[in-house]
Every structure is written in structure tokens, then in C-alpha cells.
Amino acid sequence: MWQMDFYFHDSCLSRQSVLLLAGEIEQDCPDWHIAIHPLSEHEVNALGFPVLPAILMNGNIVAAGLPKKDWLLERMKECEQANSQ
């Protein structure tokens, strides 16, 4: 199973957009484990993300900010194909 993590500052103005995107991805990609991580200021500093929101795929940052859903789905498809070879 593949893993996608959505990290964002808990008081971020784009919080709702991140949650919406994560929910849509979770519905469209049932083979993926989707995790949502709202971060406090202390956690943001401790984790050292240069930009939030950040999206990680199998532990690697694939997007900083809020990408379009279609772009993210394409990256996920590429990951699946690379792991099936």
C-alpha cells in the first residue's frame, strides 16, 4: 500500500482546501493510505518544513503549497507504475 501525507499549519487559511483535496484523493484512490497532519507552531518548527502545506508521497515531498488534484493524481499514477515494474 502507498502512503500520502498532507501536512499543514493548523491555523492555515488553506486548511479547508487541504482537507477537501485529501478527502477527494482518499475517495479516488482506495489503495492509498491518506494521512492528514495539522501541525502546531512548535511541530512546524521541529519538523523543519520550508513551506506548508506540504504533501509527501511515501515519505518524499512531492508538493509544497496546494497542487491541482489532476496533477497530484498523475504523480500517484507514476508512483504506482514505478513500483509495479
C-alpha atoms as a PDB file:
ATOM      1  CA  MET A   1       0.000   0.000   0.000  1.00  0.00           C
ATOM      2  CA  TRP A   2       1.203   3.516  -0.790  1.00  0.00           C
ATOM      3  CA  GLN A   3       1.241   6.403   1.670  1.00  0.00           C
ATOM      4  CA  MET A   4       0.344  10.060   1.157  1.00  0.00           C
ATOM      5  CA  ASP A   5       0.665  12.596   3.955  1.00  0.00           C
ATOM      6  CA  PHE A   6      -0.830  16.084   3.985  1.00  0.00           C
ATOM      7  CA  TYR A   7       0.927  18.472   6.405  1.00  0.00           C
ATOM      8  CA  PHE A   8      -0.405  21.953   7.096  1.00  0.00           C
ATOM      9  CA  HIS A   9      -0.301  24.591   9.814  1.00  0.00           C
ATOM     10  CA  ASP A  10      -3.433  24.116  11.897  1.00  0.00           C
ATOM     11  CA  SER A  11      -4.384  27.790  11.586  1.00  0.00           C
ATOM     12  CA  CYS A  12      -3.558  27.977   7.862  1.00  0.00           C
ATOM     13  CA  LEU A  13      -6.046  29.820   5.672  1.00  0.00           C
ATOM     14  CA  SER A  14      -5.910  26.972   3.137  1.00  0.00           C
ATOM     15  CA  ARG A  15      -6.807  24.355   5.793  1.00  0.00           C
ATOM     16  CA  GLN A  16     -10.238  23.651   4.299  1.00  0.00           C
ATOM     17  CA  SER A  17      -8.788  23.322   0.790  1.00  0.00           C
ATOM     18  CA  VAL A  18      -6.179  20.848   2.023  1.00  0.00           C
ATOM     19  CA  LEU A  19      -8.845  18.786   3.807  1.00  0.00           C
ATOM     20  CA  LEU A  20     -11.064  18.819   0.731  1.00  0.00           C
ATOM     21  CA  LEU A  21      -8.218  17.716  -1.556  1.00  0.00           C
ATOM     22  CA  ALA A  22      -7.176  14.955   0.863  1.00  0.00           C
ATOM     23  CA  GLY A  23     -10.767  13.704   1.063  1.00  0.00           C
ATOM     24  CA  GLU A  24     -11.145  13.632  -2.718  1.00  0.00           C
ATOM     25  CA  ILE A  25      -7.834  11.798  -3.142  1.00  0.00           C
ATOM     26  CA  GLU A  26      -8.857   9.289  -0.484  1.00  0.00           C
ATOM     27  CA  GLN A  27     -12.128   8.578  -2.327  1.00  0.00           C
ATOM     28  CA  ASP A  28     -10.467   8.331  -5.742  1.00  0.00           C
ATOM     29  CA  CYS A  29      -7.527   6.179  -4.615  1.00  0.00           C
ATOM     30  CA  PRO A  30      -8.640   3.483  -2.159  1.00  0.00           C
ATOM     31  CA  ASP A  31      -5.314   1.630  -2.467  1.00  0.00           C
ATOM     32  CA  TRP A  32      -3.511   4.564  -0.880  1.00  0.00           C
ATOM     33  CA  HIS A  33      -3.314   5.312   2.828  1.00  0.00           C
ATOM     34  CA  ILE A  34      -4.040   9.030   3.245  1.00  0.00           C
ATOM     35  CA  ALA A  35      -2.991  10.769   6.467  1.00  0.00           C
ATOM     36  CA  ILE A  36      -3.739  14.342   7.479  1.00  0.00           C
ATOM     37  CA  HIS A  37      -1.388  16.156   9.857  1.00  0.00           C
ATOM     38  CA  PRO A  38      -2.472  19.543  11.226  1.00  0.00           C
ATOM     39  CA  LEU A  39       0.629  20.989  12.882  1.00  0.00           C
ATOM     40  CA  SER A  40       1.051  23.392  15.772  1.00  0.00           C
ATOM     41  CA  GLU A  41       3.683  26.131  15.552  1.00  0.00           C
ATOM     42  CA  HIS A  42       6.037  24.003  17.666  1.00  0.00           C
ATOM     43  CA  GLU A  43       5.592  20.985  15.366  1.00  0.00           C
ATOM     44  CA  VAL A  44       6.187  23.096  12.254  1.00  0.00           C
ATOM     45  CA  ASN A  45       9.482  24.317  13.695  1.00  0.00           C
ATOM     46  CA  ALA A  46      10.501  20.834  14.868  1.00  0.00           C
ATOM     47  CA  LEU A  47       9.786  19.154  11.524  1.00  0.00           C
ATOM     48  CA  GLY A  48      11.540  21.885   9.541  1.00  0.00           C
ATOM     49  CA  PHE A  49       9.200  22.081   6.551  1.00  0.00           C
ATOM     50  CA  PRO A  50      10.303  25.084   4.446  1.00  0.00           C
ATOM     51  CA  VAL A  51       6.764  25.595   3.077  1.00  0.00           C
ATOM     52  CA  LEU A  52       3.316  24.471   4.190  1.00  0.00           C
ATOM     53  CA  PRO A  53       1.082  22.908   3.126  1.00  0.00           C
ATOM     54  CA  ALA A  54       3.401  20.063   2.160  1.00  0.00           C
ATOM     55  CA  ILE A  55       2.389  16.779   0.569  1.00  0.00           C
ATOM     56  CA  LEU A  56       4.573  13.726   0.976  1.00  0.00           C
ATOM     57  CA  MET A  57       4.289  10.546  -1.058  1.00  0.00           C
ATOM     58  CA  ASN A  58       5.908   7.521   0.570  1.00  0.00           C
ATOM     59  CA  GLY A  59       7.974   9.870   2.740  1.00  0.00           C
ATOM     60  CA  ASN A  60       9.181  12.196  -0.048  1.00  0.00           C
ATOM     61  CA  ILE A  61       7.929  15.741  -0.576  1.00  0.00           C
ATOM     62  CA  VAL A  62       6.099  15.904  -3.914  1.00  0.00           C
ATOM     63  CA  ALA A  63       4.346  19.241  -3.492  1.00  0.00           C
ATOM     64  CA  ALA A  64       4.675  22.403  -1.459  1.00  0.00           C
ATOM     65  CA  GLY A  65       1.580  24.513  -1.449  1.00  0.00           C
ATOM     66  CA  LEU A  66      -1.693  23.258  -2.824  1.00  0.00           C
ATOM     67  CA  PRO A  67      -1.421  21.444  -6.171  1.00  0.00           C
ATOM     68  CA  LYS A  68      -4.271  20.745  -8.549  1.00  0.00           C
ATOM     69  CA  LYS A  69      -5.960  17.409  -7.974  1.00  0.00           C
ATOM     70  CA  ASP A  70      -5.249  16.171 -11.522  1.00  0.00           C
ATOM     71  CA  TRP A  71      -1.540  16.894 -11.147  1.00  0.00           C
ATOM     72  CA  LEU A  72      -1.404  15.015  -7.853  1.00  0.00           C
ATOM     73  CA  LEU A  73      -3.310  12.034  -9.286  1.00  0.00           C
ATOM     74  CA  GLU A  74      -0.800  11.890 -12.140  1.00  0.00           C
ATOM     75  CA  ARG A  75       2.129  11.783  -9.667  1.00  0.00           C
ATOM     76  CA  MET A  76       0.351   8.979  -7.806  1.00  0.00           C
ATOM     77  CA  LYS A  77      -0.128   7.015 -11.012  1.00  0.00           C
ATOM     78  CA  GLU A  78       3.567   7.432 -11.835  1.00  0.00           C
ATOM     79  CA  CYS A  79       4.470   6.134  -8.372  1.00  0.00           C
ATOM     80  CA  GLU A  80       2.242   3.102  -8.789  1.00  0.00           C
ATOM     81  CA  GLN A  81       3.683   2.304 -12.207  1.00  0.00           C
ATOM     82  CA  ALA A  82       7.271   2.683 -10.987  1.00  0.00           C
ATOM     83  CA  ASN A  83       6.621   0.301  -8.089  1.00  0.00           C
ATOM     84  CA  SER A  84       4.896  -2.309 -10.275  1.00  0.00           C
ATOM     85  CA  GLN A  85       7.876  -2.747 -12.639  1.00  0.00           C
END
